[in-house]
């Protein structure tokens, strides 16, 4: 998910996506421990998506406080 796509979402949608990405990351890690994933880079992509979503949430909360 690109940053430009994230900025178009509402705060509620970002929160929902954030929860979904966190759940997905937990499942990916668990599956990787049990048997190696075909593409272990999916874990890195999931972590980066979570970081992008959290960054946008922090920016929006700072803008709301001003």
Foldseek 3Di string as FASTA:
>chain_A
DDLVVLVPDDLVVLVVVLVVLVVVLVVLVVVCVVPNDPDNCVNVVSVVSNVSSVVVNVVVVVVVVD
